[in-house]
């Protein structure tokens, strides 16, 4: 985790001293971007594109902004406004949407002299966000679902809103066990990720052999975590659905390597990077059909889905999908074949970086 308000410059060559050259980009980031205790898809995306741009010759000026984003205090919004005001005229600014959409006044005040490019991971869908995006030179979203959601909600020019999908790292193929009983959920334990729904679904298939390891932060919503633990204890599932906390790097890779199926019961997702992380290993997915999850899951060239999509907030439908997975060897084999075929279609972070660089270059040319 950064020191509060820390600014960092990295790149492959000497940047112009003013920080406003054609390949200079100032990136405004939440202060927890590198905190291993709070991993998230948004933080991973931000880190990978910052590093990717630097590796391809951009001078990347990172500005870590402390605050309870996207619900900052007035003092935190003022601090952001001062940081933006200190940037040179004409500077290109890529700003994480959790920060920018929550501080529209700060963005609007500088829109006449800065090239602002909000990066929207999770749309807030309020009037403040609408004002912030209207002040932008370009807008980047991480899924087509998010792009369409923003265009439907706000009167934005269609040609200014661009999709730059997350990449995924190549990974060894996970063969899977014959029983398919090793389930994995990778998500922070919060209401939005639906662990309570997952627990209800698993309770309905408790007579079948399975174990579901839940990887993700357990500190973001202590009240929800406590209620979930009580639910698991009441259903006798505490040992079968362990909440093991966050995992990164080799530990996260090991969790995937030991899994047969990724399960995601989210109530909302803009994309679902864990879906493509599982597919990169040939692991099928059972997930709720929310937001950009169907987009992330995708289809094989033959039109097969590498998993099963179920309705949001429906533990019965989720239980039925898990029962079919656990009880039907032919279904498991079909979904594994589809996951391996989808694996070959996935693109890496180099593609993400190149697409983002193209959008930023267009923003500079405006």
Protein backbone atom coordinates (compact mmCIF):
# COMPACT_ATOMS: atom_id res chain seq x y z
CA UNK A 1 0.00 0.00 0.00
CA UNK A 2 1.29 3.45 -0.89
CA UNK A 3 2.08 6.26 1.47
CA UNK A 4 -0.81 8.71 1.38
CA UNK A 5 -0.72 10.85 -1.73
CA UNK A 6 2.48 9.27 -3.05
CA UNK A 7 3.38 10.03 -6.66
CA UNK A 8 5.59 7.71 -8.67
CA UNK A 9 7.06 7.97 -12.17
CA UNK A 10 8.18 4.96 -14.13
CA UNK A 11 8.90 4.35 -17.80
CA UNK A 12 11.58 3.22 -20.22
CA UNK A 13 12.93 6.58 -21.26
CA UNK A 14 13.47 10.12 -19.94
CA UNK A 15 10.11 11.92 -19.93
CA UNK A 16 9.68 15.59 -20.79
CA UNK A 17 10.21 17.66 -17.67
CA UNK A 18 6.73 19.15 -17.80
CA UNK A 19 5.00 15.75 -17.79
CA UNK A 20 2.75 16.58 -20.73
CA UNK A 21 4.49 15.00 -23.68
CA UNK A 22 2.58 12.87 -26.22
CA UNK A 23 3.52 9.69 -24.33
CA UNK A 24 3.18 11.08 -20.82
CA UNK A 25 0.18 9.94 -18.81
CA UNK A 26 -0.76 10.88 -15.26
CA UNK A 27 -2.70 8.04 -13.61
CA UNK A 28 -4.92 8.81 -10.61
CA UNK A 29 -5.33 5.68 -8.50
CA UNK A 30 -6.99 4.61 -5.25
CA UNK A 31 -4.41 4.46 -2.49
CA UNK A 32 -4.92 0.73 -1.87
CA UNK A 33 -3.96 -0.35 -5.39
CA UNK A 34 -0.94 -2.35 -4.22
CA UNK A 35 -2.30 -3.51 -0.86
CA UNK A 36 -2.07 -7.35 -0.79
CA UNK A 37 -4.75 -7.46 1.90
CA UNK A 38 -7.38 -6.00 -0.45
CA UNK A 39 -6.86 -7.52 -3.89
CA UNK A 40 -9.52 -6.71 -6.46
CA UNK A 41 -10.06 -6.92 -10.18
CA UNK A 42 -9.96 -3.14 -10.47
CA UNK A 43 -6.66 -2.87 -8.63
CA UNK A 44 -5.17 -5.67 -10.72
CA UNK A 45 -6.30 -3.99 -13.93
CA UNK A 46 -4.85 -0.62 -12.88
CA UNK A 47 -1.52 -2.12 -11.91
CA UNK A 48 -1.18 -4.20 -15.06
CA UNK A 49 -1.95 -1.35 -17.45
CA UNK A 50 0.35 1.07 -15.61
CA UNK A 51 3.20 -1.41 -15.79
CA UNK A 52 2.31 -2.32 -19.38
CA UNK A 53 2.29 1.29 -20.57
CA UNK A 54 5.64 1.93 -18.86
CA UNK A 55 7.14 -1.16 -20.48
CA UNK A 56 6.10 0.06 -23.93
CA UNK A 57 7.69 3.48 -23.64
CA UNK A 58 5.12 5.64 -21.89
CA UNK A 59 6.17 7.88 -19.02
CA UNK A 60 3.62 6.87 -16.39
CA UNK A 61 3.16 9.30 -13.50
CA UNK A 62 1.22 7.44 -10.80
CA UNK A 63 -0.65 9.50 -8.22
CA UNK A 64 -2.05 7.40 -5.37
CA UNK A 65 -5.00 9.27 -3.84
CA UNK A 66 -6.02 8.44 -0.26
CA UNK A 67 -9.74 8.26 0.37
CA UNK A 68 -12.77 6.11 1.05
CA UNK A 69 -13.51 5.84 -2.67
CA UNK A 70 -16.18 5.88 -4.06
CA UNK A 71 -17.55 7.60 -0.95
CA UNK A 72 -14.88 10.21 -0.18
CA UNK A 73 -15.09 12.86 2.47
CA UNK A 74 -15.15 16.53 1.52
CA UNK A 75 -11.51 16.76 2.61
CA UNK A 76 -10.53 13.87 0.35
CA UNK A 77 -12.31 15.45 -2.61
CA UNK A 78 -10.48 18.70 -1.93
CA UNK A 79 -7.16 16.87 -1.87
CA UNK A 80 -7.92 15.32 -5.25
CA UNK A 81 -8.91 18.72 -6.66
CA UNK A 82 -5.55 20.11 -5.57
CA UNK A 83 -3.68 17.23 -7.17
CA UNK A 84 -5.46 17.77 -10.48
CA UNK A 85 -4.89 21.53 -10.29
CA UNK A 86 -1.16 20.91 -9.85
CA UNK A 87 -0.86 18.98 -13.13
CA UNK A 88 0.50 20.89 -16.15
CA UNK A 89 -1.82 22.37 -18.76
CA UNK A 90 -2.62 19.87 -21.49
CA UNK A 91 -1.67 16.84 -19.39
CA UNK A 92 -3.23 13.48 -20.22
CA UNK A 93 -4.93 12.05 -17.13
CA UNK A 94 -6.16 8.46 -16.81
CA UNK A 95 -8.28 8.39 -13.66
CA UNK A 96 -9.76 5.33 -11.96
CA UNK A 97 -13.54 5.62 -12.03
CA UNK A 98 -13.88 4.92 -8.31
CA UNK A 99 -12.06 8.22 -7.81
CA UNK A 100 -13.15 10.32 -10.77
CA UNK A 101 -16.86 9.45 -10.82
CA UNK A 102 -17.09 10.20 -7.10
CA UNK A 103 -15.56 13.68 -7.44
CA UNK A 104 -17.26 15.34 -10.41
CA UNK A 105 -16.57 18.88 -9.22
CA UNK A 106 -12.83 18.24 -9.20
CA UNK A 107 -12.92 16.89 -12.76
CA UNK A 108 -15.24 19.55 -14.15
CA UNK A 109 -13.05 22.33 -12.75
CA UNK A 110 -10.04 21.05 -14.73
CA UNK A 111 -11.72 19.78 -17.89
CA UNK A 112 -10.88 22.94 -19.85
CA UNK A 113 -7.13 22.36 -19.52
CA UNK A 114 -6.59 18.61 -18.92
CA UNK A 115 -7.30 15.64 -21.17
CA UNK A 116 -9.34 13.52 -18.77
CA UNK A 117 -9.88 9.80 -19.42
CA UNK A 118 -11.93 8.05 -16.71
CA UNK A 119 -11.42 4.28 -16.47
CA UNK A 120 -14.75 2.82 -15.36
CA UNK A 121 -14.59 -0.51 -13.55
CA UNK A 122 -17.96 -0.30 -11.77
CA UNK A 123 -20.40 2.45 -12.84
CA UNK A 124 -21.98 4.45 -10.04
CA UNK A 125 -24.96 5.47 -12.20
CA UNK A 126 -25.71 8.77 -10.52
CA UNK A 127 -25.85 12.40 -11.62
CA UNK A 128 -22.37 13.09 -10.27
CA UNK A 129 -20.87 10.41 -12.45
CA UNK A 130 -22.76 11.79 -15.42
CA UNK A 131 -21.16 15.19 -14.90
CA UNK A 132 -17.72 13.67 -14.48
CA UNK A 133 -17.99 11.65 -17.70
CA UNK A 134 -19.37 14.61 -19.63
CA UNK A 135 -16.15 16.44 -18.77
CA UNK A 136 -13.99 13.64 -20.17
CA UNK A 137 -12.06 13.63 -23.44
CA UNK A 138 -12.47 9.86 -23.68
CA UNK A 139 -14.03 7.20 -21.42
CA UNK A 140 -12.65 3.65 -21.03
CA UNK A 141 -14.78 0.74 -19.81
CA UNK A 142 -13.66 -2.80 -19.05
CA UNK A 143 -16.63 -4.49 -20.74
CA UNK A 144 -19.16 -3.89 -23.48
CA UNK A 145 -21.88 -4.30 -20.86
CA UNK A 146 -20.48 -1.31 -18.95
CA UNK A 147 -20.17 0.72 -22.14
CA UNK A 148 -23.79 0.10 -23.08
CA UNK A 149 -24.91 0.83 -19.51
CA UNK A 150 -23.17 4.21 -19.53
CA UNK A 151 -24.49 5.14 -22.98
CA UNK A 152 -28.03 4.24 -21.90
CA UNK A 153 -27.74 6.26 -18.68
CA UNK A 154 -25.90 9.40 -19.86
CA UNK A 155 -25.97 11.51 -23.07
CA UNK A 156 -22.37 10.67 -24.00
CA UNK A 157 -21.03 10.73 -27.57
CA UNK A 158 -20.83 7.11 -28.69
CA UNK A 159 -17.40 7.55 -30.27
CA UNK A 160 -15.86 8.73 -26.99
CA UNK A 161 -16.62 5.59 -24.97
CA UNK A 162 -14.26 2.68 -25.61
CA UNK A 163 -14.05 -0.91 -24.34
CA UNK A 164 -10.66 -2.21 -23.20
CA UNK A 165 -11.18 -5.72 -21.87
CA UNK A 166 -8.97 -7.07 -19.08
CA UNK A 167 -6.24 -9.46 -20.13
CA UNK A 168 -5.36 -12.76 -18.53
CA UNK A 169 -2.03 -14.45 -17.96
CA UNK A 170 -1.35 -17.81 -19.59
CA UNK A 171 -1.55 -20.61 -17.03
CA UNK A 172 -1.01 -24.38 -16.92
CA UNK A 173 -4.01 -26.52 -17.77
CA UNK A 174 -5.83 -27.89 -14.73
CA UNK A 175 -6.94 -31.44 -15.57
CA UNK A 176 -9.66 -31.68 -12.92
CA UNK A 177 -10.58 -34.62 -10.74
CA UNK A 178 -12.98 -37.40 -11.83
CA UNK A 179 -15.60 -36.39 -9.26
CA UNK A 180 -15.52 -32.66 -9.97
CA UNK A 181 -16.04 -32.07 -6.26
CA UNK A 182 -13.35 -29.41 -5.72
CA UNK A 183 -15.19 -26.10 -5.96
CA UNK A 184 -13.55 -22.67 -5.79
CA UNK A 185 -14.95 -19.17 -5.26
CA UNK A 186 -12.56 -16.23 -5.74
CA UNK A 187 -14.16 -13.01 -4.51
CA UNK A 188 -14.06 -10.64 -1.56
CA UNK A 189 -16.62 -11.75 1.00
CA UNK A 190 -19.17 -8.96 0.59
CA UNK A 191 -22.92 -8.88 -0.11
CA UNK A 192 -22.31 -8.03 -3.77
CA UNK A 193 -20.38 -11.25 -4.35
CA UNK A 194 -23.27 -13.37 -3.08
CA UNK A 195 -21.52 -15.75 -0.68
CA UNK A 196 -24.76 -16.00 1.29
CA UNK A 197 -26.52 -17.23 -1.85
CA UNK A 198 -23.71 -19.67 -2.52
CA UNK A 199 -24.00 -21.02 1.02
CA UNK A 200 -27.76 -21.49 0.58
CA UNK A 201 -27.21 -23.32 -2.70
CA UNK A 202 -24.54 -25.59 -1.25
CA UNK A 203 -26.78 -26.41 1.70
CA UNK A 204 -29.31 -27.77 -0.81
CA UNK A 205 -26.71 -30.20 -2.19
CA UNK A 206 -25.11 -31.07 1.15
CA UNK A 207 -25.71 -34.79 0.61
CA UNK A 208 -23.32 -34.77 -2.37
CA UNK A 209 -19.52 -34.88 -2.04
CA UNK A 210 -17.99 -31.43 -2.49
CA UNK A 211 -15.78 -28.83 -0.81
CA UNK A 212 -15.87 -25.16 -1.80
CA UNK A 213 -12.82 -23.07 -0.90
CA UNK A 214 -13.62 -19.34 -0.75
CA UNK A 215 -10.61 -17.15 -1.51
CA UNK A 216 -11.02 -13.43 -0.87
CA UNK A 217 -10.81 -10.64 1.66
CA UNK A 218 -12.86 -11.12 4.84
CA UNK A 219 -12.30 -7.60 6.19
CA UNK A 220 -14.32 -5.38 3.87
CA UNK A 221 -17.70 -6.02 5.50
CA UNK A 222 -17.20 -7.61 8.94
CA UNK A 223 -20.93 -7.67 9.71
CA UNK A 224 -21.70 -9.62 6.54
CA UNK A 225 -18.83 -12.02 7.19
CA UNK A 226 -20.05 -12.66 10.73
CA UNK A 227 -23.58 -13.38 9.47
CA UNK A 228 -22.19 -15.71 6.81
CA UNK A 229 -20.10 -17.62 9.33
CA UNK A 230 -23.20 -18.05 11.51
CA UNK A 231 -25.15 -19.29 8.47
CA UNK A 232 -22.43 -21.82 7.63
CA UNK A 233 -22.26 -23.01 11.21
CA UNK A 234 -26.03 -23.45 11.42
CA UNK A 235 -26.01 -25.54 8.23
CA UNK A 236 -22.97 -27.58 9.28
CA UNK A 237 -20.91 -26.26 6.34
CA UNK A 238 -18.11 -24.37 8.10
CA UNK A 239 -15.49 -26.97 7.20
CA UNK A 240 -16.88 -27.62 3.73
CA UNK A 241 -17.01 -23.93 2.70
CA UNK A 242 -13.93 -22.42 4.38
CA UNK A 243 -13.29 -18.68 4.11
CA UNK A 244 -9.52 -18.70 3.71
CA UNK A 245 -8.89 -14.99 3.11
CA UNK A 246 -7.09 -13.32 0.19
CA UNK A 247 -4.54 -15.13 -1.95
CA UNK A 248 -2.18 -13.64 -4.51
CA UNK A 249 0.66 -14.84 -6.70
CA UNK A 250 1.70 -18.46 -6.27
CA UNK A 251 -0.87 -19.05 -3.51
CA UNK A 252 -3.73 -17.98 -5.78
CA UNK A 253 -2.32 -20.06 -8.63
CA UNK A 254 -2.24 -23.07 -6.31
CA UNK A 255 -5.91 -22.53 -5.42
CA UNK A 256 -6.85 -22.60 -9.09
CA UNK A 257 -4.64 -25.64 -9.72
CA UNK A 258 -6.57 -27.56 -7.06
CA UNK A 259 -10.02 -26.66 -8.43
CA UNK A 260 -12.50 -28.46 -10.66
CA UNK A 261 -15.06 -25.68 -10.97
CA UNK A 262 -15.18 -21.93 -10.33
CA UNK A 263 -18.41 -20.76 -8.71
CA UNK A 264 -19.42 -17.11 -8.68
CA UNK A 265 -22.77 -16.07 -7.15
CA UNK A 266 -22.35 -12.31 -7.62
CA UNK A 267 -25.25 -9.92 -7.53
CA UNK A 268 -23.32 -7.52 -9.78
CA UNK A 269 -20.17 -7.73 -11.91
CA UNK A 270 -18.90 -5.43 -14.64
CA UNK A 271 -16.78 -8.21 -16.16
CA UNK A 272 -15.55 -10.89 -13.77
CA UNK A 273 -11.81 -11.30 -14.22
CA UNK A 274 -11.83 -14.45 -12.11
CA UNK A 275 -13.93 -16.07 -14.84
CA UNK A 276 -11.19 -15.67 -17.43
CA UNK A 277 -8.55 -16.61 -14.85
CA UNK A 278 -10.35 -19.93 -14.41
CA UNK A 279 -10.85 -20.42 -18.15
CA UNK A 280 -7.16 -19.75 -18.74
CA UNK A 281 -6.62 -23.00 -16.83
CA UNK A 282 -9.40 -24.87 -18.59
CA UNK A 283 -11.62 -24.73 -15.48
CA UNK A 284 -15.38 -24.46 -16.22
CA UNK A 285 -17.51 -21.85 -14.46
CA UNK A 286 -20.93 -21.75 -12.83
CA UNK A 287 -21.92 -18.12 -12.34
CA UNK A 288 -24.82 -15.72 -12.15
CA UNK A 289 -25.72 -14.05 -15.44
CA UNK A 290 -25.10 -10.50 -14.25
CA UNK A 291 -23.37 -7.57 -15.90
CA UNK A 292 -20.35 -8.54 -17.94
CA UNK A 293 -20.10 -12.14 -16.68
CA UNK A 294 -21.65 -13.66 -19.85
CA UNK A 295 -19.18 -11.54 -21.85
CA UNK A 296 -16.23 -12.83 -19.83
CA UNK A 297 -17.42 -16.43 -20.06
CA UNK A 298 -17.97 -16.13 -23.79
CA UNK A 299 -18.45 -19.02 -26.17
CA UNK A 300 -16.25 -21.40 -28.09
CA UNK A 301 -15.97 -21.11 -31.90
CA UNK A 302 -18.68 -23.81 -32.02
CA UNK A 303 -21.03 -21.76 -29.87
CA UNK A 304 -20.67 -23.76 -26.65
CA UNK A 305 -20.48 -22.07 -23.26
CA UNK A 306 -17.61 -23.16 -21.00
CA UNK A 307 -19.91 -23.22 -18.03
CA UNK A 308 -23.43 -22.56 -16.78
CA UNK A 309 -25.11 -19.21 -16.20
CA UNK A 310 -27.94 -18.94 -13.66
CA UNK A 311 -30.30 -16.20 -12.57
CA UNK A 312 -29.23 -13.58 -10.04
CA UNK A 313 -30.42 -13.98 -6.44
CA UNK A 314 -31.70 -17.52 -7.09
CA UNK A 315 -30.01 -20.07 -4.80
CA UNK A 316 -32.34 -22.77 -6.11
CA UNK A 317 -31.12 -22.30 -9.68
CA UNK A 318 -27.52 -22.25 -8.48
CA UNK A 319 -28.09 -25.45 -6.49
CA UNK A 320 -29.62 -27.14 -9.55
CA UNK A 321 -26.57 -26.21 -11.65
CA UNK A 322 -24.20 -27.55 -9.01
CA UNK A 323 -26.22 -30.74 -8.66
CA UNK A 324 -25.98 -31.31 -12.42
CA UNK A 325 -22.24 -30.66 -12.39
CA UNK A 326 -21.61 -33.01 -9.48
CA UNK A 327 -23.92 -35.76 -10.71
CA UNK A 328 -23.34 -35.88 -14.46
CA UNK A 329 -19.88 -37.00 -15.68
CA UNK A 330 -20.86 -36.34 -19.31
CA UNK A 331 -21.75 -32.74 -18.49
CA UNK A 332 -18.45 -32.25 -16.68
CA UNK A 333 -16.52 -33.56 -19.67
CA UNK A 334 -18.47 -31.38 -22.11
CA UNK A 335 -17.90 -28.23 -20.07
CA UNK A 336 -14.22 -29.06 -19.64
CA UNK A 337 -13.82 -29.41 -23.40
CA UNK A 338 -15.55 -26.08 -23.90
CA UNK A 339 -13.37 -24.40 -21.24
CA UNK A 340 -10.23 -25.64 -22.99
CA UNK A 341 -11.48 -24.35 -26.32
CA UNK A 342 -12.35 -20.96 -24.79
CA UNK A 343 -8.89 -20.90 -23.18
CA UNK A 344 -7.32 -20.67 -26.63
CA UNK A 345 -9.33 -17.51 -27.41
CA UNK A 346 -8.24 -15.46 -24.41
CA UNK A 347 -5.90 -12.50 -24.87
CA UNK A 348 -3.11 -11.29 -22.60
CA UNK A 349 -2.42 -8.01 -20.87
CA UNK A 350 -0.23 -6.91 -23.78
CA UNK A 351 -3.38 -6.67 -25.90
CA UNK A 352 -5.13 -4.72 -23.15
CA UNK A 353 -2.20 -2.30 -22.91
CA UNK A 354 -2.07 -1.80 -26.67
CA UNK A 355 -5.80 -1.04 -26.87
CA UNK A 356 -5.62 1.38 -23.97
CA UNK A 357 -2.57 3.10 -25.50
CA UNK A 358 -4.56 3.63 -28.69
CA UNK A 359 -7.38 5.33 -26.76
CA UNK A 360 -4.91 7.52 -24.88
CA UNK A 361 -3.16 8.50 -28.10
CA UNK A 362 -6.51 9.55 -29.55
CA UNK A 363 -7.19 11.62 -26.44
CA UNK A 364 -3.88 13.45 -26.86
CA UNK A 365 -4.71 14.21 -30.49
CA UNK A 366 -8.03 15.91 -29.68
